[in-house]
Amino acid sequence: MRFVIRVLINAAALWVADQLLDGITLSGNIWAILLVALVFGLINAVLKPILKLLSLPVLILTLGLFALVINAALLLLTDALMDDLTVDGFWSAVLGGLIIAVVSAVLSRVLPDD
C-alpha cells in the first residue's frame, strides 16, 4: 500500500509541476501519468542515492543546492524515457524538480505512511 501511495504522490507532484510551469507537459490519460510517476519514482529510488554519494563534495560545497541539479537531471532522464512527459530545457527541469520536491514533501507529511 505504501508503494501505491508513493506513486500517487509522485503523480500529483508531476501534475502540479505541469500546471504551474509552461516548460513541463504531461500528456495522455491518468494511466499514462501514473506510468510516468512510476518510472520517475523508480529512477529516483535507484539513481538518486548513487548520484548524491558521487557528488557529495559538491553537495557539501554548495550547501545542498546541487541537489536541485540532480533532481533536474533525473527529471530530464524521465523525459528521455517516457513519451508522455516533455521537459523543455534545463531550467524548466530545475524549477520542475523544485516544485515536485516541495509538493512530494507536503503530501508525504499529510498522507499516512502505513
PDB file of N, CA and C in Angstrom:
ATOM      1  N   MET A   1       0.824  -1.196   0.000  1.00  0.00           N
ATOM      2  CA  MET A   1       0.000   0.000   0.000  1.00  0.00           C
ATOM      3  C   MET A   1       0.869   1.262   0.000  1.00  0.00           C
ATOM      4  N   ARG A   2       1.985   1.204   0.704  1.00  0.00           N
ATOM      5  CA  ARG A   2       2.877   2.353   0.763  1.00  0.00           C
ATOM      6  C   ARG A   2       3.420   2.700  -0.621  1.00  0.00           C
ATOM      7  N   PHE A   3       3.718   1.667  -1.411  1.00  0.00           N
ATOM      8  CA  PHE A   3       4.219   1.874  -2.768  1.00  0.00           C
ATOM      9  C   PHE A   3       3.195   2.601  -3.628  1.00  0.00           C
ATOM     10  N   VAL A   4       1.939   2.221  -3.517  1.00  0.00           N
ATOM     11  CA  VAL A   4       0.861   2.856  -4.283  1.00  0.00           C
ATOM     12  C   VAL A   4       0.710   4.318  -3.878  1.00  0.00           C
ATOM     13  N   ILE A   5       0.815   4.591  -2.589  1.00  0.00           N
ATOM     14  CA  ILE A   5       0.719   5.974  -2.109  1.00  0.00           C
ATOM     15  C   ILE A   5       1.867   6.807  -2.654  1.00  0.00           C
ATOM     16  N   ARG A   6       3.087   6.237  -2.688  1.00  0.00           N
ATOM     17  CA  ARG A   6       4.248   6.967  -3.220  1.00  0.00           C
ATOM     18  C   ARG A   6       4.057   7.288  -4.709  1.00  0.00           C
ATOM     19  N   VAL A   7       3.512   6.344  -5.468  1.00  0.00           N
ATOM     20  CA  VAL A   7       3.268   6.585  -6.893  1.00  0.00           C
ATOM     21  C   VAL A   7       2.211   7.672  -7.069  1.00  0.00           C
ATOM     22  N   LEU A   8       1.182   7.640  -6.251  1.00  0.00           N
ATOM     23  CA  LEU A   8       0.139   8.678  -6.330  1.00  0.00           C
ATOM     24  C   LEU A   8       0.687  10.047  -5.937  1.00  0.00           C
ATOM     25  N   ILE A   9       1.571  10.090  -4.944  1.00  0.00           N
ATOM     26  CA  ILE A   9       2.196  11.357  -4.557  1.00  0.00           C
ATOM     27  C   ILE A   9       3.059  11.885  -5.697  1.00  0.00           C
ATOM     28  N   ASN A  10       3.839  11.001  -6.330  1.00  0.00           N
ATOM     29  CA  ASN A  10       4.655  11.417  -7.480  1.00  0.00           C
ATOM     30  C   ASN A  10       3.777  11.917  -8.623  1.00  0.00           C
ATOM     31  N   ALA A  11       2.667  11.224  -8.865  1.00  0.00           N
ATOM     32  CA  ALA A  11       1.759  11.638  -9.936  1.00  0.00           C
ATOM     33  C   ALA A  11       1.171  13.018  -9.639  1.00  0.00           C
ATOM     34  N   ALA A  12       0.774  13.237  -8.400  1.00  0.00           N
ATOM     35  CA  ALA A  12       0.223  14.540  -8.032  1.00  0.00           C
ATOM     36  C   ALA A  12       1.280  15.637  -8.157  1.00  0.00           C
ATOM     37  N   ALA A  13       2.499  15.344  -7.727  1.00  0.00           N
ATOM     38  CA  ALA A  13       3.577  16.332  -7.815  1.00  0.00           C
ATOM     39  C   ALA A  13       3.911  16.655  -9.266  1.00  0.00           C
ATOM     40  N   LEU A  14       3.952  15.646 -10.118  1.00  0.00           N
ATOM     41  CA  LEU A  14       4.195  15.889 -11.542  1.00  0.00           C
ATOM     42  C   LEU A  14       3.061  16.703 -12.156  1.00  0.00           C
ATOM     43  N   TRP A  15       1.826  16.414 -11.760  1.00  0.00           N
ATOM     44  CA  TRP A  15       0.682  17.144 -12.283  1.00  0.00           C
ATOM     45  C   TRP A  15       0.748  18.619 -11.857  1.00  0.00           C
ATOM     46  N   VAL A  16       1.124  18.881 -10.596  1.00  0.00           N
ATOM     47  CA  VAL A  16       1.240  20.263 -10.121  1.00  0.00           C
ATOM     48  C   VAL A  16       2.329  20.991 -10.908  1.00  0.00           C
ATOM     49  N   ALA A  17       3.460  20.325 -11.146  1.00  0.00           N
ATOM     50  CA  ALA A  17       4.533  20.942 -11.937  1.00  0.00           C
ATOM     51  C   ALA A  17       4.051  21.238 -13.354  1.00  0.00           C
ATOM     52  N   ASP A  18       3.259  20.345 -13.908  1.00  0.00           N
ATOM     53  CA  ASP A  18       2.691  20.551 -15.242  1.00  0.00           C
ATOM     54  C   ASP A  18       1.768  21.766 -15.253  1.00  0.00           C
ATOM     55  N   GLN A  19       0.993  21.927 -14.197  1.00  0.00           N
ATOM     56  CA  GLN A  19       0.051  23.040 -14.132  1.00  0.00           C
ATOM     57  C   GLN A  19       0.741  24.384 -13.907  1.00  0.00           C
ATOM     58  N   LEU A  20       1.844  24.388 -13.158  1.00  0.00           N
ATOM     59  CA  LEU A  20       2.496  25.640 -12.803  1.00  0.00           C
ATOM     60  C   LEU A  20       3.540  26.113 -13.808  1.00  0.00           C
ATOM     61  N   LEU A  21       4.123  25.193 -14.556  1.00  0.00           N
ATOM     62  CA  LEU A  21       5.200  25.547 -15.484  1.00  0.00           C
ATOM     63  C   LEU A  21       4.785  25.302 -16.924  1.00  0.00           C
ATOM     64  N   ASP A  22       5.167  26.231 -17.791  1.00  0.00           N
ATOM     65  CA  ASP A  22       4.917  26.029 -19.216  1.00  0.00           C
ATOM     66  C   ASP A  22       5.922  25.061 -19.822  1.00  0.00           C
ATOM     67  N   GLY A  23       7.065  24.880 -19.184  1.00  0.00           N
ATOM     68  CA  GLY A  23       8.132  24.050 -19.733  1.00  0.00           C
ATOM     69  C   GLY A  23       7.985  22.567 -19.462  1.00  0.00           C
ATOM     70  N   ILE A  24       6.997  22.179 -18.661  1.00  0.00           N
ATOM     71  CA  ILE A  24       6.749  20.764 -18.374  1.00  0.00           C
ATOM     72  C   ILE A  24       5.340  20.426 -18.827  1.00  0.00           C
ATOM     73  N   THR A  25       5.239  19.365 -19.627  1.00  0.00           N
ATOM     74  CA  THR A  25       3.944  18.959 -20.163  1.00  0.00           C
ATOM     75  C   THR A  25       3.737  17.472 -19.944  1.00  0.00           C
ATOM     76  N   LEU A  26       2.627  17.133 -19.317  1.00  0.00           N
ATOM     77  CA  LEU A  26       2.190  15.741 -19.185  1.00  0.00           C
ATOM     78  C   LEU A  26       1.061  15.529 -20.176  1.00  0.00           C
ATOM     79  N   SER A  27       1.187  14.503 -20.975  1.00  0.00           N
ATOM     80  CA  SER A  27       0.126  14.205 -21.940  1.00  0.00           C
ATOM     81  C   SER A  27      -0.397  12.804 -21.682  1.00  0.00           C
ATOM     82  N   GLY A  28      -1.547  12.536 -22.217  1.00  0.00           N
ATOM     83  CA  GLY A  28      -2.135  11.215 -22.045  1.00  0.00           C
ATOM     84  C   GLY A  28      -3.172  11.212 -20.940  1.00  0.00           C
ATOM     85  N   ASN A  29      -3.708  10.025 -20.711  1.00  0.00           N
ATOM     86  CA  ASN A  29      -4.756   9.869 -19.702  1.00  0.00           C
ATOM     87  C   ASN A  29      -4.132   9.640 -18.329  1.00  0.00           C
ATOM     88  N   ILE A  30      -4.958   9.338 -17.356  1.00  0.00           N
ATOM     89  CA  ILE A  30      -4.487   9.159 -15.985  1.00  0.00           C
ATOM     90  C   ILE A  30      -3.526   7.983 -15.877  1.00  0.00           C
ATOM     91  N   TRP A  31      -3.733   6.940 -16.672  1.00  0.00           N
ATOM     92  CA  TRP A  31      -2.856   5.765 -16.611  1.00  0.00           C
ATOM     93  C   TRP A  31      -1.464   6.106 -17.134  1.00  0.00           C
ATOM     94  N   ALA A  32      -1.403   6.952 -18.144  1.00  0.00           N
ATOM     95  CA  ALA A  32      -0.100   7.378 -18.670  1.00  0.00           C
ATOM     96  C   ALA A  32       0.636   8.231 -17.641  1.00  0.00           C
ATOM     97  N   ILE A  33      -0.100   9.093 -16.947  1.00  0.00           N
ATOM     98  CA  ILE A  33       0.510   9.927 -15.914  1.00  0.00           C
ATOM     99  C   ILE A  33       0.996   9.059 -14.753  1.00  0.00           C
ATOM    100  N   LEU A  34       0.214   8.056 -14.377  1.00  0.00           N
ATOM    101  CA  LEU A  34       0.651   7.141 -13.320  1.00  0.00           C
ATOM    102  C   LEU A  34       1.879   6.342 -13.745  1.00  0.00           C
ATOM    103  N   LEU A  35       1.965   5.982 -15.016  1.00  0.00           N
ATOM    104  CA  LEU A  35       3.138   5.266 -15.512  1.00  0.00           C
ATOM    105  C   LEU A  35       4.370   6.169 -15.479  1.00  0.00           C
ATOM    106  N   VAL A  36       4.212   7.429 -15.859  1.00  0.00           N
ATOM    107  CA  VAL A  36       5.319   8.393 -15.771  1.00  0.00           C
ATOM    108  C   VAL A  36       5.755   8.547 -14.318  1.00  0.00           C
ATOM    109  N   ALA A  37       4.795   8.635 -13.403  1.00  0.00           N
ATOM    110  CA  ALA A  37       5.116   8.766 -11.977  1.00  0.00           C
ATOM    111  C   ALA A  37       5.839   7.526 -11.468  1.00  0.00           C
ATOM    112  N   LEU A  38       5.435   6.352 -11.936  1.00  0.00           N
ATOM    113  CA  LEU A  38       6.095   5.109 -11.538  1.00  0.00           C
ATOM    114  C   LEU A  38       7.541   5.081 -12.020  1.00  0.00           C
ATOM    115  N   VAL A  39       7.761   5.436 -13.274  1.00  0.00           N
ATOM    116  CA  VAL A  39       9.121   5.453 -13.825  1.00  0.00           C
ATOM    117  C   VAL A  39       9.964   6.509 -13.114  1.00  0.00           C
ATOM    118  N   PHE A  40       9.395   7.677 -12.876  1.00  0.00           N
ATOM    119  CA  PHE A  40      10.108   8.742 -12.169  1.00  0.00           C
ATOM    120  C   PHE A  40      10.491   8.288 -10.759  1.00  0.00           C
ATOM    121  N   GLY A  41       9.581   7.620 -10.088  1.00  0.00           N
ATOM    122  CA  GLY A  41       9.862   7.112  -8.749  1.00  0.00           C
ATOM    123  C   GLY A  41      10.946   6.051  -8.748  1.00  0.00           C
ATOM    124  N   LEU A  42      10.918   5.160  -9.730  1.00  0.00           N
ATOM    125  CA  LEU A  42      11.953   4.130  -9.819  1.00  0.00           C
ATOM    126  C   LEU A  42      13.321   4.732 -10.125  1.00  0.00           C
ATOM    127  N   ILE A  43      13.354   5.704 -11.023  1.00  0.00           N
ATOM    128  CA  ILE A  43      14.619   6.373 -11.337  1.00  0.00           C
ATOM    129  C   ILE A  43      15.161   7.080 -10.103  1.00  0.00           C
ATOM    130  N   ASN A  44      14.277   7.743  -9.363  1.00  0.00           N
ATOM    131  CA  ASN A  44      14.704   8.421  -8.139  1.00  0.00           C
ATOM    132  C   ASN A  44      15.198   7.426  -7.091  1.00  0.00           C
ATOM    133  N   ALA A  45      14.505   6.302  -6.967  1.00  0.00           N
ATOM    134  CA  ALA A  45      14.885   5.320  -5.952  1.00  0.00           C
ATOM    135  C   ALA A  45      16.227   4.661  -6.260  1.00  0.00           C
ATOM    136  N   VAL A  46      16.523   4.456  -7.532  1.00  0.00           N
ATOM    137  CA  VAL A  46      17.749   3.754  -7.903  1.00  0.00           C
ATOM    138  C   VAL A  46      18.929   4.711  -8.076  1.00  0.00           C
ATOM    139  N   LEU A  47      18.736   5.770  -8.850  1.00  0.00           N
ATOM    140  CA  LEU A  47      19.866   6.622  -9.223  1.00  0.00           C
ATOM    141  C   LEU A  47      20.167   7.762  -8.249  1.00  0.00           C
ATOM    142  N   LYS A  48      19.168   8.288  -7.593  1.00  0.00           N
ATOM    143  CA  LYS A  48      19.381   9.457  -6.743  1.00  0.00           C
ATOM    144  C   LYS A  48      20.389   9.205  -5.622  1.00  0.00           C
ATOM    145  N   PRO A  49      20.290   8.089  -4.887  1.00  0.00           N
ATOM    146  CA  PRO A  49      21.305   7.862  -3.840  1.00  0.00           C
ATOM    147  C   PRO A  49      22.720   7.715  -4.404  1.00  0.00           C
ATOM    148  N   ILE A  50      22.837   7.096  -5.553  1.00  0.00           N
ATOM    149  CA  ILE A  50      24.153   6.922  -6.179  1.00  0.00           C
ATOM    150  C   ILE A  50      24.717   8.276  -6.594  1.00  0.00           C
ATOM    151  N   LEU A  51      23.899   9.094  -7.237  1.00  0.00           N
ATOM    152  CA  LEU A  51      24.353  10.411  -7.669  1.00  0.00           C
ATOM    153  C   LEU A  51      24.690  11.317  -6.492  1.00  0.00           C
ATOM    154  N   LYS A  52      23.901  11.231  -5.425  1.00  0.00           N
ATOM    155  CA  LYS A  52      24.206  12.047  -4.247  1.00  0.00           C
ATOM    156  C   LYS A  52      25.509  11.614  -3.592  1.00  0.00           C
ATOM    157  N   LEU A  53      25.768  10.325  -3.562  1.00  0.00           N
ATOM    158  CA  LEU A  53      27.013   9.843  -2.984  1.00  0.00           C
ATOM    159  C   LEU A  53      28.211  10.271  -3.827  1.00  0.00           C
ATOM    160  N   LEU A  54      28.086  10.149  -5.140  1.00  0.00           N
ATOM    161  CA  LEU A  54      29.187  10.527  -6.016  1.00  0.00           C
ATOM    162  C   LEU A  54      29.454  12.034  -6.021  1.00  0.00           C
ATOM    163  N   SER A  55      28.414  12.812  -5.789  1.00  0.00           N
ATOM    164  CA  SER A  55      28.579  14.268  -5.813  1.00  0.00           C
ATOM    165  C   SER A  55      28.613  14.865  -4.409  1.00  0.00           C
ATOM    166  N   LEU A  56      28.902  14.059  -3.413  1.00  0.00           N
ATOM    167  CA  LEU A  56      28.891  14.531  -2.030  1.00  0.00           C
ATOM    168  C   LEU A  56      29.779  15.752  -1.784  1.00  0.00           C
ATOM    169  N   PRO A  57      31.008  15.794  -2.323  1.00  0.00           N
ATOM    170  CA  PRO A  57      31.804  17.011  -2.103  1.00  0.00           C
ATOM    171  C   PRO A  57      31.153  18.274  -2.679  1.00  0.00           C
ATOM    172  N   VAL A  58      30.558  18.150  -3.847  1.00  0.00           N
ATOM    173  CA  VAL A  58      29.896  19.306  -4.464  1.00  0.00           C
ATOM    174  C   VAL A  58      28.645  19.680  -3.672  1.00  0.00           C
ATOM    175  N   LEU A  59      27.925  18.680  -3.173  1.00  0.00           N
ATOM    176  CA  LEU A  59      26.750  18.959  -2.347  1.00  0.00           C
ATOM    177  C   LEU A  59      27.137  19.710  -1.079  1.00  0.00           C
ATOM    178  N   ILE A  60      28.229  19.306  -0.474  1.00  0.00           N
ATOM    179  CA  ILE A  60      28.684  19.990   0.742  1.00  0.00           C
ATOM    180  C   ILE A  60      29.134  21.410   0.406  1.00  0.00           C
ATOM    181  N   LEU A  61      29.880  21.546  -0.682  1.00  0.00           N
ATOM    182  CA  LEU A  61      30.401  22.858  -1.074  1.00  0.00           C
ATOM    183  C   LEU A  61      29.285  23.848  -1.397  1.00  0.00           C
ATOM    184  N   THR A  62      28.209  23.356  -2.010  1.00  0.00           N
ATOM    185  CA  THR A  62      27.096  24.239  -2.388  1.00  0.00           C
ATOM    186  C   THR A  62      25.992  24.257  -1.346  1.00  0.00           C
ATOM    187  N   LEU A  63      26.256  23.671  -0.185  1.00  0.00           N
ATOM    188  CA  LEU A  63      25.277  23.605   0.911  1.00  0.00           C
ATOM    189  C   LEU A  63      23.975  22.926   0.480  1.00  0.00           C
ATOM    190  N   GLY A  64      24.082  21.932  -0.363  1.00  0.00           N
ATOM    191  CA  GLY A  64      22.933  21.142  -0.777  1.00  0.00           C
ATOM    192  C   GLY A  64      22.212  21.632  -2.015  1.00  0.00           C
ATOM    193  N   LEU A  65      22.593  22.784  -2.536  1.00  0.00           N
ATOM    194  CA  LEU A  65      21.886  23.307  -3.711  1.00  0.00           C
ATOM    195  C   LEU A  65      22.130  22.472  -4.959  1.00  0.00           C
ATOM    196  N   PHE A  66      23.217  21.717  -4.983  1.00  0.00           N
ATOM    197  CA  PHE A  66      23.478  20.863  -6.137  1.00  0.00           C
ATOM    198  C   PHE A  66      22.426  19.756  -6.256  1.00  0.00           C
ATOM    199  N   ALA A  67      21.702  19.504  -5.180  1.00  0.00           N
ATOM    200  CA  ALA A  67      20.608  18.524  -5.236  1.00  0.00           C
ATOM    201  C   ALA A  67      19.549  18.949  -6.247  1.00  0.00           C
ATOM    202  N   LEU A  68      19.383  20.252  -6.463  1.00  0.00           N
ATOM    203  CA  LEU A  68      18.452  20.721  -7.491  1.00  0.00           C
ATOM    204  C   LEU A  68      18.904  20.290  -8.880  1.00  0.00           C
ATOM    205  N   VAL A  69      20.204  20.298  -9.109  1.00  0.00           N
ATOM    206  CA  VAL A  69      20.740  19.855 -10.395  1.00  0.00           C
ATOM    207  C   VAL A  69      20.519  18.351 -10.558  1.00  0.00           C
ATOM    208  N   ILE A  70      20.702  17.599  -9.485  1.00  0.00           N
ATOM    209  CA  ILE A  70      20.461  16.149  -9.540  1.00  0.00           C
ATOM    210  C   ILE A  70      18.993  15.875  -9.831  1.00  0.00           C
ATOM    211  N   ASN A  71      18.089  16.589  -9.150  1.00  0.00           N
ATOM    212  CA  ASN A  71      16.654  16.420  -9.418  1.00  0.00           C
ATOM    213  C   ASN A  71      16.317  16.769 -10.863  1.00  0.00           C
ATOM    214  N   ALA A  72      16.918  17.830 -11.383  1.00  0.00           N
ATOM    215  CA  ALA A  72      16.675  18.224 -12.770  1.00  0.00           C
ATOM    216  C   ALA A  72      17.173  17.150 -13.727  1.00  0.00           C
ATOM    217  N   ALA A  73      18.341  16.587 -13.453  1.00  0.00           N
ATOM    218  CA  ALA A  73      18.886  15.540 -14.318  1.00  0.00           C
ATOM    219  C   ALA A  73      17.992  14.305 -14.318  1.00  0.00           C
ATOM    220  N   LEU A  74      17.458  13.947 -13.167  1.00  0.00           N
ATOM    221  CA  LEU A  74      16.572  12.786 -13.097  1.00  0.00           C
ATOM    222  C   LEU A  74      15.242  13.048 -13.797  1.00  0.00           C
ATOM    223  N   LEU A  75      14.763  14.275 -13.721  1.00  0.00           N
ATOM    224  CA  LEU A  75      13.543  14.637 -14.438  1.00  0.00           C
ATOM    225  C   LEU A  75      13.779  14.612 -15.949  1.00  0.00           C
ATOM    226  N   LEU A  76      14.940  15.098 -16.388  1.00  0.00           N
ATOM    227  CA  LEU A  76      15.277  15.041 -17.815  1.00  0.00           C
ATOM    228  C   LEU A  76      15.471  13.609 -18.292  1.00  0.00           C
ATOM    229  N   LEU A  77      16.005  12.749 -17.438  1.00  0.00           N
ATOM    230  CA  LEU A  77      16.141  11.339 -17.790  1.00  0.00           C
ATOM    231  C   LEU A  77      14.776  10.688 -17.938  1.00  0.00           C
ATOM    232  N   THR A  78      13.853  11.019 -17.055  1.00  0.00           N
ATOM    233  CA  THR A  78      12.488  10.507 -17.178  1.00  0.00           C
ATOM    234  C   THR A  78      11.845  11.004 -18.467  1.00  0.00           C
ATOM    235  N   ASP A  79      12.102  12.256 -18.815  1.00  0.00           N
ATOM    236  CA  ASP A  79      11.599  12.807 -20.074  1.00  0.00           C
ATOM    237  C   ASP A  79      12.152  12.025 -21.262  1.00  0.00           C
ATOM    238  N   ALA A  80      13.422  11.664 -21.211  1.00  0.00           N
ATOM    239  CA  ALA A  80      14.032  10.923 -22.316  1.00  0.00           C
ATOM    240  C   ALA A  80      13.446   9.517 -22.445  1.00  0.00           C
ATOM    241  N   LEU A  81      13.015   8.934 -21.333  1.00  0.00           N
ATOM    242  CA  LEU A  81      12.492   7.569 -21.363  1.00  0.00           C
ATOM    243  C   LEU A  81      10.995   7.490 -21.650  1.00  0.00           C
ATOM    244  N   MET A  82      10.263   8.536 -21.323  1.00  0.00           N
ATOM    245  CA  MET A  82       8.801   8.489 -21.429  1.00  0.00           C
ATOM    246  C   MET A  82       8.297   9.488 -22.464  1.00  0.00           C
ATOM    247  N   ASP A  83       7.389   9.028 -23.317  1.00  0.00           N
ATOM    248  CA  ASP A  83       6.810   9.893 -24.346  1.00  0.00           C
ATOM    249  C   ASP A  83       5.745  10.837 -23.781  1.00  0.00           C
ATOM    250  N   ASP A  84       5.156  10.481 -22.647  1.00  0.00           N
ATOM    251  CA  ASP A  84       4.061  11.272 -22.091  1.00  0.00           C
ATOM    252  C   ASP A  84       4.524  12.444 -21.236  1.00  0.00           C
ATOM    253  N   LEU A  85       5.834  12.589 -21.060  1.00  0.00           N
ATOM    254  CA  LEU A  85       6.391  13.708 -20.306  1.00  0.00           C
ATOM    255  C   LEU A  85       7.330  14.479 -21.210  1.00  0.00           C
ATOM    256  N   THR A  86       7.151  15.800 -21.248  1.00  0.00           N
ATOM    257  CA  THR A  86       8.019  16.662 -22.037  1.00  0.00           C
ATOM    258  C   THR A  86       8.546  17.775 -21.140  1.00  0.00           C
ATOM    259  N   VAL A  87       9.870  17.875 -21.071  1.00  0.00           N
ATOM    260  CA  VAL A  87      10.532  18.947 -20.331  1.00  0.00           C
ATOM    261  C   VAL A  87      11.321  19.755 -21.347  1.00  0.00           C
ATOM    262  N   ASP A  88      11.056  21.061 -21.410  1.00  0.00           N
ATOM    263  CA  ASP A  88      11.604  21.896 -22.485  1.00  0.00           C
ATOM    264  C   ASP A  88      13.077  22.223 -22.350  1.00  0.00           C
ATOM    265  N   GLY A  89      13.612  22.223 -21.165  1.00  0.00           N
ATOM    266  CA  GLY A  89      15.019  22.566 -21.024  1.00  0.00           C
ATOM    267  C   GLY A  89      15.502  22.381 -19.603  1.00  0.00           C
ATOM    268  N   PHE A  90      16.766  22.732 -19.390  1.00  0.00           N
ATOM    269  CA  PHE A  90      17.376  22.531 -18.085  1.00  0.00           C
ATOM    270  C   PHE A  90      16.701  23.359 -17.007  1.00  0.00           C
ATOM    271  N   TRP A  91      16.421  24.628 -17.285  1.00  0.00           N
ATOM    272  CA  TRP A  91      15.842  25.481 -16.250  1.00  0.00           C
ATOM    273  C   TRP A  91      14.411  25.084 -15.932  1.00  0.00           C
ATOM    274  N   SER A  92      13.684  24.611 -16.931  1.00  0.00           N
ATOM    275  CA  SER A  92      12.354  24.066 -16.648  1.00  0.00           C
ATOM    276  C   SER A  92      12.462  22.832 -15.772  1.00  0.00           C
ATOM    277  N   ALA A  93      13.493  22.027 -16.011  1.00  0.00           N
ATOM    278  CA  ALA A  93      13.712  20.831 -15.191  1.00  0.00           C
ATOM    279  C   ALA A  93      14.102  21.211 -13.764  1.00  0.00           C
ATOM    280  N   VAL A  94      14.911  22.250 -13.602  1.00  0.00           N
ATOM    281  CA  VAL A  94      15.301  22.687 -12.255  1.00  0.00           C
ATOM    282  C   VAL A  94      14.079  23.175 -11.482  1.00  0.00           C
ATOM    283  N   LEU A  95      13.286  24.045 -12.106  1.00  0.00           N
ATOM    284  CA  LEU A  95      12.080  24.543 -11.430  1.00  0.00           C
ATOM    285  C   LEU A  95      11.074  23.420 -11.196  1.00  0.00           C
ATOM    286  N   GLY A  96      10.935  22.533 -12.176  1.00  0.00           N
ATOM    287  CA  GLY A  96      10.038  21.393 -12.021  1.00  0.00           C
ATOM    288  C   GLY A  96      10.488  20.464 -10.910  1.00  0.00           C
ATOM    289  N   GLY A  97      11.784  20.212 -10.831  1.00  0.00           N
ATOM    290  CA  GLY A  97      12.305  19.379  -9.753  1.00  0.00           C
ATOM    291  C   GLY A  97      12.068  19.997  -8.385  1.00  0.00           C
ATOM    292  N   LEU A  98      12.194  21.317  -8.309  1.00  0.00           N
ATOM    293  CA  LEU A  98      11.930  22.021  -7.053  1.00  0.00           C
ATOM    294  C   LEU A  98      10.459  21.913  -6.667  1.00  0.00           C
ATOM    295  N   ILE A  99       9.577  22.133  -7.619  1.00  0.00           N
ATOM    296  CA  ILE A  99       8.142  22.030  -7.357  1.00  0.00           C
ATOM    297  C   ILE A  99       7.770  20.610  -6.961  1.00  0.00           C
ATOM    298  N   ILE A 100       8.297  19.628  -7.677  1.00  0.00           N
ATOM    299  CA  ILE A 100       7.997  18.229  -7.377  1.00  0.00           C
ATOM    300  C   ILE A 100       8.487  17.863  -5.979  1.00  0.00           C
ATOM    301  N   ALA A 101       9.673  18.330  -5.608  1.00  0.00           N
ATOM    302  CA  ALA A 101      10.207  18.031  -4.279  1.00  0.00           C
ATOM    303  C   ALA A 101       9.338  18.645  -3.183  1.00  0.00           C
ATOM    304  N   VAL A 102       8.904  19.891  -3.373  1.00  0.00           N
ATOM    305  CA  VAL A 102       8.084  20.563  -2.359  1.00  0.00           C
ATOM    306  C   VAL A 102       6.713  19.892  -2.243  1.00  0.00           C
ATOM    307  N   VAL A 103       6.078  19.628  -3.374  1.00  0.00           N
ATOM    308  CA  VAL A 103       4.750  19.001  -3.343  1.00  0.00           C
ATOM    309  C   VAL A 103       4.838  17.594  -2.752  1.00  0.00           C
ATOM    310  N   SER A 104       5.868  16.845  -3.119  1.00  0.00           N
ATOM    311  CA  SER A 104       6.040  15.495  -2.566  1.00  0.00           C
ATOM    312  C   SER A 104       6.255  15.540  -1.060  1.00  0.00           C
ATOM    313  N   ALA A 105       7.043  16.494  -0.596  1.00  0.00           N
ATOM    314  CA  ALA A 105       7.287  16.608   0.843  1.00  0.00           C
ATOM    315  C   ALA A 105       6.003  16.957   1.587  1.00  0.00           C
ATOM    316  N   VAL A 106       5.230  17.891   1.053  1.00  0.00           N
ATOM    317  CA  VAL A 106       3.983  18.292   1.709  1.00  0.00           C
ATOM    318  C   VAL A 106       2.996  17.132   1.728  1.00  0.00           C
ATOM    319  N   LEU A 107       2.823  16.450   0.605  1.00  0.00           N
ATOM    320  CA  LEU A 107       1.879  15.337   0.549  1.00  0.00           C
ATOM    321  C   LEU A 107       2.335  14.155   1.399  1.00  0.00           C
ATOM    322  N   SER A 108       3.644  13.953   1.497  1.00  0.00           N
ATOM    323  CA  SER A 108       4.149  12.865   2.343  1.00  0.00           C
ATOM    324  C   SER A 108       3.861  13.138   3.817  1.00  0.00           C
ATOM    325  N   ARG A 109       3.865  14.414   4.199  1.00  0.00           N
ATOM    326  CA  ARG A 109       3.535  14.774   5.584  1.00  0.00           C
ATOM    327  C   ARG A 109       2.036  14.608   5.864  1.00  0.00           C
ATOM    328  N   VAL A 110       1.215  14.936   4.851  1.00  0.00           N
ATOM    329  CA  VAL A 110      -0.235  14.917   5.046  1.00  0.00           C
ATOM    330  C   VAL A 110      -0.790  13.496   5.010  1.00  0.00           C
ATOM    331  N   LEU A 111      -0.309  12.683   4.057  1.00  0.00           N
ATOM    332  CA  LEU A 111      -0.839  11.335   3.905  1.00  0.00           C
ATOM    333  C   LEU A 111      -0.122  10.380   4.856  1.00  0.00           C
ATOM    334  N   PRO A 112      -0.839   9.393   5.343  1.00  0.00           N
ATOM    335  CA  PRO A 112      -0.223   8.440   6.281  1.00  0.00           C
ATOM    336  C   PRO A 112       0.766   7.515   5.568  1.00  0.00           C
ATOM    337  N   ASP A 113       1.775   7.058   6.302  1.00  0.00           N
ATOM    338  CA  ASP A 113       2.779   6.159   5.740  1.00  0.00           C
ATOM    339  C   ASP A 113       2.320   4.711   5.704  1.00  0.00           C
ATOM    340  N   ASP A 114       1.463   4.309   6.611  1.00  0.00           N
ATOM    341  CA  ASP A 114       1.060   2.903   6.658  1.00  0.00           C
ATOM    342  C   ASP A 114      -0.351   2.666   6.251  1.00  0.00           C
TER     343      ASP A 114
END
